[in-house]
PDB file of all heavy atoms in Angstrom:
ATOM      1  N   ALA A   1     -22.684  -7.163 -12.064  1.00  0.00           N
ATOM      2  CA  ALA A   1     -23.667  -6.643 -12.996  1.00  0.00           C
ATOM      3  C   ALA A   1     -24.942  -7.477 -12.904  1.00  0.00           C
ATOM      4  O   ALA A   1     -24.895  -8.680 -12.626  1.00  0.00           O
ATOM      5  CB  ALA A   1     -23.122  -6.677 -14.418  1.00  0.00           C
ATOM      6  N   ASP A   2     -26.072  -6.834 -13.141  1.00  0.00           N
ATOM      7  CA  ASP A   2     -27.334  -7.558 -13.079  1.00  0.00           C
ATOM      8  C   ASP A   2     -27.367  -8.743 -14.039  1.00  0.00           C
ATOM      9  O   ASP A   2     -27.988  -9.769 -13.757  1.00  0.00           O
ATOM     10  CB  ASP A   2     -28.497  -6.618 -13.392  1.00  0.00           C
ATOM     11  CG  ASP A   2     -28.765  -5.624 -12.283  1.00  0.00           C
ATOM     12  OD1 ASP A   2     -28.323  -5.858 -11.137  1.00  0.00           O
ATOM     13  OD2 ASP A   2     -29.425  -4.606 -12.552  1.00  0.00           O
ATOM     14  N   SER A   3     -26.689  -8.614 -15.149  1.00  0.00           N
ATOM     15  CA  SER A   3     -26.716  -9.648 -16.168  1.00  0.00           C
ATOM     16  C   SER A   3     -26.026 -10.939 -15.739  1.00  0.00           C
ATOM     17  O   SER A   3     -26.283 -11.996 -16.313  1.00  0.00           O
ATOM     18  CB  SER A   3     -26.079  -9.132 -17.460  1.00  0.00           C
ATOM     19  OG  SER A   3     -24.743  -8.719 -17.226  1.00  0.00           O
ATOM     20  N   VAL A   4     -25.149 -10.858 -14.742  1.00  0.00           N
ATOM     21  CA  VAL A   4     -24.412 -12.039 -14.301  1.00  0.00           C
ATOM     22  C   VAL A   4     -24.709 -12.418 -12.862  1.00  0.00           C
ATOM     23  O   VAL A   4     -24.276 -13.489 -12.410  1.00  0.00           O
ATOM     24  CB  VAL A   4     -22.892 -11.857 -14.475  1.00  0.00           C
ATOM     25  CG1 VAL A   4     -22.559 -11.417 -15.891  1.00  0.00           C
ATOM     26  CG2 VAL A   4     -22.338 -10.860 -13.458  1.00  0.00           C
ATOM     27  N   LYS A   5     -25.421 -11.593 -12.147  1.00  0.00           N
ATOM     28  CA  LYS A   5     -25.700 -11.838 -10.737  1.00  0.00           C
ATOM     29  C   LYS A   5     -26.412 -13.177 -10.555  1.00  0.00           C
ATOM     30  O   LYS A   5     -27.365 -13.489 -11.266  1.00  0.00           O
ATOM     31  CB  LYS A   5     -26.537 -10.703 -10.165  1.00  0.00           C
ATOM     32  CG  LYS A   5     -26.674 -10.718  -8.652  1.00  0.00           C
ATOM     33  CD  LYS A   5     -27.410  -9.478  -8.161  1.00  0.00           C
ATOM     34  CE  LYS A   5     -26.662  -8.206  -8.532  1.00  0.00           C
ATOM     35  NZ  LYS A   5     -27.357  -6.987  -8.044  1.00  0.00           N
ATOM     36  N   GLY A   6     -25.929 -13.947  -9.605  1.00  0.00           N
ATOM     37  CA  GLY A   6     -26.491 -15.257  -9.348  1.00  0.00           C
ATOM     38  C   GLY A   6     -25.863 -16.367 -10.157  1.00  0.00           C
ATOM     39  O   GLY A   6     -26.066 -17.550  -9.848  1.00  0.00           O
ATOM     40  N   ARG A   7     -25.110 -16.012 -11.180  1.00  0.00           N
ATOM     41  CA  ARG A   7     -24.450 -17.000 -12.025  1.00  0.00           C
ATOM     42  C   ARG A   7     -22.931 -16.944 -11.913  1.00  0.00           C
ATOM     43  O   ARG A   7     -22.261 -17.970 -11.995  1.00  0.00           O
ATOM     44  CB  ARG A   7     -24.854 -16.808 -13.483  1.00  0.00           C
ATOM     45  CG  ARG A   7     -26.348 -16.947 -13.736  1.00  0.00           C
ATOM     46  CD  ARG A   7     -26.675 -16.929 -15.220  1.00  0.00           C
ATOM     47  NE  ARG A   7     -26.290 -15.663 -15.847  1.00  0.00           N
ATOM     48  CZ  ARG A   7     -25.392 -15.550 -16.821  1.00  0.00           C
ATOM     49  NH1 ARG A   7     -24.791 -16.631 -17.302  1.00  0.00           N
ATOM     50  NH2 ARG A   7     -25.112 -14.362 -17.343  1.00  0.00           N
ATOM     51  N   PHE A   8     -22.400 -15.754 -11.735  1.00  0.00           N
ATOM     52  CA  PHE A   8     -20.955 -15.564 -11.654  1.00  0.00           C
ATOM     53  C   PHE A   8     -20.544 -15.291 -10.215  1.00  0.00           C
ATOM     54  O   PHE A   8     -21.287 -14.662  -9.452  1.00  0.00           O
ATOM     55  CB  PHE A   8     -20.504 -14.377 -12.511  1.00  0.00           C
ATOM     56  CG  PHE A   8     -20.594 -14.593 -13.996  1.00  0.00           C
ATOM     57  CD1 PHE A   8     -21.273 -15.665 -14.547  1.00  0.00           C
ATOM     58  CD2 PHE A   8     -19.978 -13.695 -14.859  1.00  0.00           C
ATOM     59  CE1 PHE A   8     -21.354 -15.855 -15.914  1.00  0.00           C
ATOM     60  CE2 PHE A   8     -20.043 -13.862 -16.231  1.00  0.00           C
ATOM     61  CZ  PHE A   8     -20.735 -14.945 -16.756  1.00  0.00           C
ATOM     62  N   THR A   9     -19.355 -15.733  -9.863  1.00  0.00           N
ATOM     63  CA  THR A   9     -18.789 -15.468  -8.554  1.00  0.00           C
ATOM     64  C   THR A   9     -17.344 -15.021  -8.715  1.00  0.00           C
ATOM     65  O   THR A   9     -16.539 -15.733  -9.320  1.00  0.00           O
ATOM     66  CB  THR A   9     -18.838 -16.703  -7.647  1.00  0.00           C
ATOM     67  OG1 THR A   9     -20.190 -17.149  -7.494  1.00  0.00           O
ATOM     68  CG2 THR A   9     -18.266 -16.376  -6.271  1.00  0.00           C
ATOM     69  N   VAL A  10     -17.032 -13.852  -8.181  1.00  0.00           N
ATOM     70  CA  VAL A  10     -15.664 -13.363  -8.218  1.00  0.00           C
ATOM     71  C   VAL A  10     -15.017 -13.606  -6.859  1.00  0.00           C
ATOM     72  O   VAL A  10     -15.658 -13.438  -5.816  1.00  0.00           O
ATOM     73  CB  VAL A  10     -15.621 -11.866  -8.606  1.00  0.00           C
ATOM     74  CG1 VAL A  10     -16.340 -10.993  -7.590  1.00  0.00           C
ATOM     75  CG2 VAL A  10     -14.181 -11.400  -8.805  1.00  0.00           C
ATOM     76  N   SER A  11     -13.780 -14.028  -6.880  1.00  0.00           N
ATOM     77  CA  SER A  11     -13.046 -14.285  -5.653  1.00  0.00           C
ATOM     78  C   SER A  11     -11.579 -13.968  -5.893  1.00  0.00           C
ATOM     79  O   SER A  11     -11.159 -13.742  -7.023  1.00  0.00           O
ATOM     80  CB  SER A  11     -13.224 -15.735  -5.188  1.00  0.00           C
ATOM     81  OG  SER A  11     -12.730 -16.643  -6.154  1.00  0.00           O
ATOM     82  N   ARG A  12     -10.811 -13.958  -4.814  1.00  0.00           N
ATOM     83  CA  ARG A  12      -9.387 -13.702  -4.969  1.00  0.00           C
ATOM     84  C   ARG A  12      -8.591 -14.468  -3.941  1.00  0.00           C
ATOM     85  O   ARG A  12      -9.079 -14.782  -2.848  1.00  0.00           O
ATOM     86  CB  ARG A  12      -9.080 -12.198  -4.885  1.00  0.00           C
ATOM     87  CG  ARG A  12      -9.309 -11.574  -3.517  1.00  0.00           C
ATOM     88  CD  ARG A  12      -9.263 -10.045  -3.606  1.00  0.00           C
ATOM     89  NE  ARG A  12      -7.968  -9.554  -4.052  1.00  0.00           N
ATOM     90  CZ  ARG A  12      -7.762  -8.321  -4.532  1.00  0.00           C
ATOM     91  NH1 ARG A  12      -8.783  -7.466  -4.646  1.00  0.00           N
ATOM     92  NH2 ARG A  12      -6.539  -7.952  -4.904  1.00  0.00           N
ATOM     93  N   ASP A  13      -7.367 -14.756  -4.304  1.00  0.00           N
ATOM     94  CA  ASP A  13      -6.412 -15.404  -3.425  1.00  0.00           C
ATOM     95  C   ASP A  13      -5.165 -14.539  -3.460  1.00  0.00           C
ATOM     96  O   ASP A  13      -4.341 -14.651  -4.368  1.00  0.00           O
ATOM     97  CB  ASP A  13      -6.118 -16.828  -3.880  1.00  0.00           C
ATOM     98  CG  ASP A  13      -5.223 -17.580  -2.914  1.00  0.00           C
ATOM     99  OD1 ASP A  13      -4.541 -16.950  -2.090  1.00  0.00           O
ATOM    100  OD2 ASP A  13      -5.209 -18.828  -2.982  1.00  0.00           O
ATOM    101  N   ASN A  14      -5.044 -13.672  -2.485  1.00  0.00           N
ATOM    102  CA  ASN A  14      -3.944 -12.715  -2.499  1.00  0.00           C
ATOM    103  C   ASN A  14      -2.583 -13.387  -2.342  1.00  0.00           C
ATOM    104  O   ASN A  14      -1.577 -12.866  -2.831  1.00  0.00           O
ATOM    105  CB  ASN A  14      -4.146 -11.666  -1.404  1.00  0.00           C
ATOM    106  CG  ASN A  14      -5.251 -10.693  -1.743  1.00  0.00           C
ATOM    107  OD1 ASN A  14      -5.687 -10.602  -2.886  1.00  0.00           O
ATOM    108  ND2 ASN A  14      -5.724  -9.958  -0.745  1.00  0.00           N
ATOM    109  N   ALA A  15      -2.545 -14.521  -1.674  1.00  0.00           N
ATOM    110  CA  ALA A  15      -1.289 -15.243  -1.538  1.00  0.00           C
ATOM    111  C   ALA A  15      -0.771 -15.714  -2.888  1.00  0.00           C
ATOM    112  O   ALA A  15       0.434 -15.895  -3.066  1.00  0.00           O
ATOM    113  CB  ALA A  15      -1.451 -16.429  -0.592  1.00  0.00           C
ATOM    114  N   LYS A  16      -1.687 -15.927  -3.828  1.00  0.00           N
ATOM    115  CA  LYS A  16      -1.320 -16.359  -5.170  1.00  0.00           C
ATOM    116  C   LYS A  16      -1.381 -15.231  -6.183  1.00  0.00           C
ATOM    117  O   LYS A  16      -1.182 -15.466  -7.377  1.00  0.00           O
ATOM    118  CB  LYS A  16      -2.228 -17.498  -5.618  1.00  0.00           C
ATOM    119  CG  LYS A  16      -2.132 -18.753  -4.770  1.00  0.00           C
ATOM    120  CD  LYS A  16      -3.061 -19.836  -5.293  1.00  0.00           C
ATOM    121  CE  LYS A  16      -2.953 -21.099  -4.468  1.00  0.00           C
ATOM    122  NZ  LYS A  16      -3.868 -22.166  -4.950  1.00  0.00           N
ATOM    123  N   ASN A  17      -1.670 -14.029  -5.724  1.00  0.00           N
ATOM    124  CA  ASN A  17      -1.804 -12.872  -6.613  1.00  0.00           C
ATOM    125  C   ASN A  17      -2.790 -13.145  -7.740  1.00  0.00           C
ATOM    126  O   ASN A  17      -2.562 -12.769  -8.895  1.00  0.00           O
ATOM    127  CB  ASN A  17      -0.446 -12.477  -7.196  1.00  0.00           C
ATOM    128  CG  ASN A  17       0.489 -11.900  -6.162  1.00  0.00           C
ATOM    129  OD1 ASN A  17       0.059 -11.348  -5.157  1.00  0.00           O
ATOM    130  ND2 ASN A  17       1.781 -12.013  -6.402  1.00  0.00           N
ATOM    131  N   THR A  18      -3.890 -13.772  -7.397  1.00  0.00           N
ATOM    132  CA  THR A  18      -4.822 -14.237  -8.412  1.00  0.00           C
ATOM    133  C   THR A  18      -6.254 -13.867  -8.055  1.00  0.00           C
ATOM    134  O   THR A  18      -6.669 -13.997  -6.900  1.00  0.00           O
ATOM    135  CB  THR A  18      -4.721 -15.758  -8.590  1.00  0.00           C
ATOM    136  OG1 THR A  18      -3.376 -16.105  -8.944  1.00  0.00           O
ATOM    137  CG2 THR A  18      -5.658 -16.239  -9.683  1.00  0.00           C
ATOM    138  N   VAL A  19      -6.987 -13.427  -9.052  1.00  0.00           N
ATOM    139  CA  VAL A  19      -8.417 -13.215  -8.930  1.00  0.00           C
ATOM    140  C   VAL A  19      -9.112 -14.185  -9.879  1.00  0.00           C
ATOM    141  O   VAL A  19      -8.593 -14.484 -10.958  1.00  0.00           O
ATOM    142  CB  VAL A  19      -8.805 -11.749  -9.219  1.00  0.00           C
ATOM    143  CG1 VAL A  19      -8.479 -11.366 -10.660  1.00  0.00           C
ATOM    144  CG2 VAL A  19     -10.269 -11.509  -8.908  1.00  0.00           C
ATOM    145  N   TYR A  20     -10.280 -14.668  -9.468  1.00  0.00           N
ATOM    146  CA  TYR A  20     -11.003 -15.670 -10.227  1.00  0.00           C
ATOM    147  C   TYR A  20     -12.390 -15.168 -10.594  1.00  0.00           C
ATOM    148  O   TYR A  20     -12.974 -14.329  -9.913  1.00  0.00           O
ATOM    149  CB  TYR A  20     -11.157 -16.961  -9.421  1.00  0.00           C
ATOM    150  CG  TYR A  20      -9.862 -17.547  -8.929  1.00  0.00           C
ATOM    151  CD1 TYR A  20      -9.387 -17.247  -7.657  1.00  0.00           C
ATOM    152  CD2 TYR A  20      -9.117 -18.403  -9.731  1.00  0.00           C
ATOM    153  CE1 TYR A  20      -8.203 -17.786  -7.194  1.00  0.00           C
ATOM    154  CE2 TYR A  20      -7.929 -18.942  -9.281  1.00  0.00           C
ATOM    155  CZ  TYR A  20      -7.475 -18.631  -8.008  1.00  0.00           C
ATOM    156  OH  TYR A  20      -6.290 -19.166  -7.554  1.00  0.00           O
ATOM    157  N   LEU A  21     -12.903 -15.718 -11.661  1.00  0.00           N
ATOM    158  CA  LEU A  21     -14.295 -15.507 -12.016  1.00  0.00           C
ATOM    159  C   LEU A  21     -14.899 -16.864 -12.340  1.00  0.00           C
ATOM    160  O   LEU A  21     -14.626 -17.433 -13.402  1.00  0.00           O
ATOM    161  CB  LEU A  21     -14.434 -14.554 -13.202  1.00  0.00           C
ATOM    162  CG  LEU A  21     -15.868 -14.166 -13.547  1.00  0.00           C
ATOM    163  CD1 LEU A  21     -16.485 -13.328 -12.432  1.00  0.00           C
ATOM    164  CD2 LEU A  21     -15.925 -13.403 -14.873  1.00  0.00           C
ATOM    165  N   GLN A  22     -15.697 -17.369 -11.415  1.00  0.00           N
ATOM    166  CA  GLN A  22     -16.410 -18.618 -11.626  1.00  0.00           C
ATOM    167  C   GLN A  22     -17.716 -18.308 -12.332  1.00  0.00           C
ATOM    168  O   GLN A  22     -18.541 -17.553 -11.820  1.00  0.00           O
ATOM    169  CB  GLN A  22     -16.674 -19.309 -10.289  1.00  0.00           C
ATOM    170  CG  GLN A  22     -17.537 -20.568 -10.390  1.00  0.00           C
ATOM    171  CD  GLN A  22     -16.855 -21.687 -11.139  1.00  0.00           C
ATOM    172  OE1 GLN A  22     -15.697 -21.993 -10.871  1.00  0.00           O
ATOM    173  NE2 GLN A  22     -17.557 -22.296 -12.085  1.00  0.00           N
ATOM    174  N   MET A  23     -17.897 -18.885 -13.493  1.00  0.00           N
ATOM    175  CA  MET A  23     -19.061 -18.613 -14.314  1.00  0.00           C
ATOM    176  C   MET A  23     -19.882 -19.886 -14.449  1.00  0.00           C
ATOM    177  O   MET A  23     -19.393 -20.891 -14.966  1.00  0.00           O
ATOM    178  CB  MET A  23     -18.644 -18.100 -15.690  1.00  0.00           C
ATOM    179  CG  MET A  23     -17.750 -16.867 -15.630  1.00  0.00           C
ATOM    180  SD  MET A  23     -17.307 -16.238 -17.268  1.00  0.00           S
ATOM    181  CE  MET A  23     -16.310 -17.601 -17.872  1.00  0.00           C
ATOM    182  N   ASN A  24     -21.114 -19.827 -13.981  1.00  0.00           N
ATOM    183  CA  ASN A  24     -22.024 -20.960 -14.050  1.00  0.00           C
ATOM    184  C   ASN A  24     -23.223 -20.617 -14.915  1.00  0.00           C
ATOM    185  O   ASN A  24     -23.542 -19.443 -15.126  1.00  0.00           O
ATOM    186  CB  ASN A  24     -22.493 -21.358 -12.653  1.00  0.00           C
ATOM    187  CG  ASN A  24     -21.376 -21.799 -11.747  1.00  0.00           C
ATOM    188  OD1 ASN A  24     -20.446 -22.475 -12.184  1.00  0.00           O
ATOM    189  ND2 ASN A  24     -21.460 -21.439 -10.473  1.00  0.00           N
ATOM    190  N   ASN A  25     -23.904 -21.656 -15.374  1.00  0.00           N
ATOM    191  CA  ASN A  25     -25.094 -21.473 -16.209  1.00  0.00           C
ATOM    192  C   ASN A  25     -24.839 -20.464 -17.323  1.00  0.00           C
ATOM    193  O   ASN A  25     -25.595 -19.514 -17.523  1.00  0.00           O
ATOM    194  CB  ASN A  25     -26.280 -21.038 -15.344  1.00  0.00           C
ATOM    195  CG  ASN A  25     -27.596 -21.085 -16.087  1.00  0.00           C
ATOM    196  OD1 ASN A  25     -27.748 -21.833 -17.059  1.00  0.00           O
ATOM    197  ND2 ASN A  25     -28.561 -20.287 -15.649  1.00  0.00           N
ATOM    198  N   LEU A  26     -23.793 -20.697 -18.051  1.00  0.00           N
ATOM    199  CA  LEU A  26     -23.404 -19.757 -19.096  1.00  0.00           C
ATOM    200  C   LEU A  26     -24.438 -19.702 -20.208  1.00  0.00           C
ATOM    201  O   LEU A  26     -25.078 -20.700 -20.549  1.00  0.00           O
ATOM    202  CB  LEU A  26     -22.043 -20.144 -19.659  1.00  0.00           C
ATOM    203  CG  LEU A  26     -20.867 -19.774 -18.755  1.00  0.00           C
ATOM    204  CD1 LEU A  26     -19.627 -20.559 -19.135  1.00  0.00           C
ATOM    205  CD2 LEU A  26     -20.602 -18.272 -18.836  1.00  0.00           C
TER     206      LEU A  26
END
């Protein structure tokens, strides 16, 4: 979303069945 672009990063680790949301400059 435009509101989070540049601050948030979504990633995933399929081996761990996990998705992450790294949130910076909250």
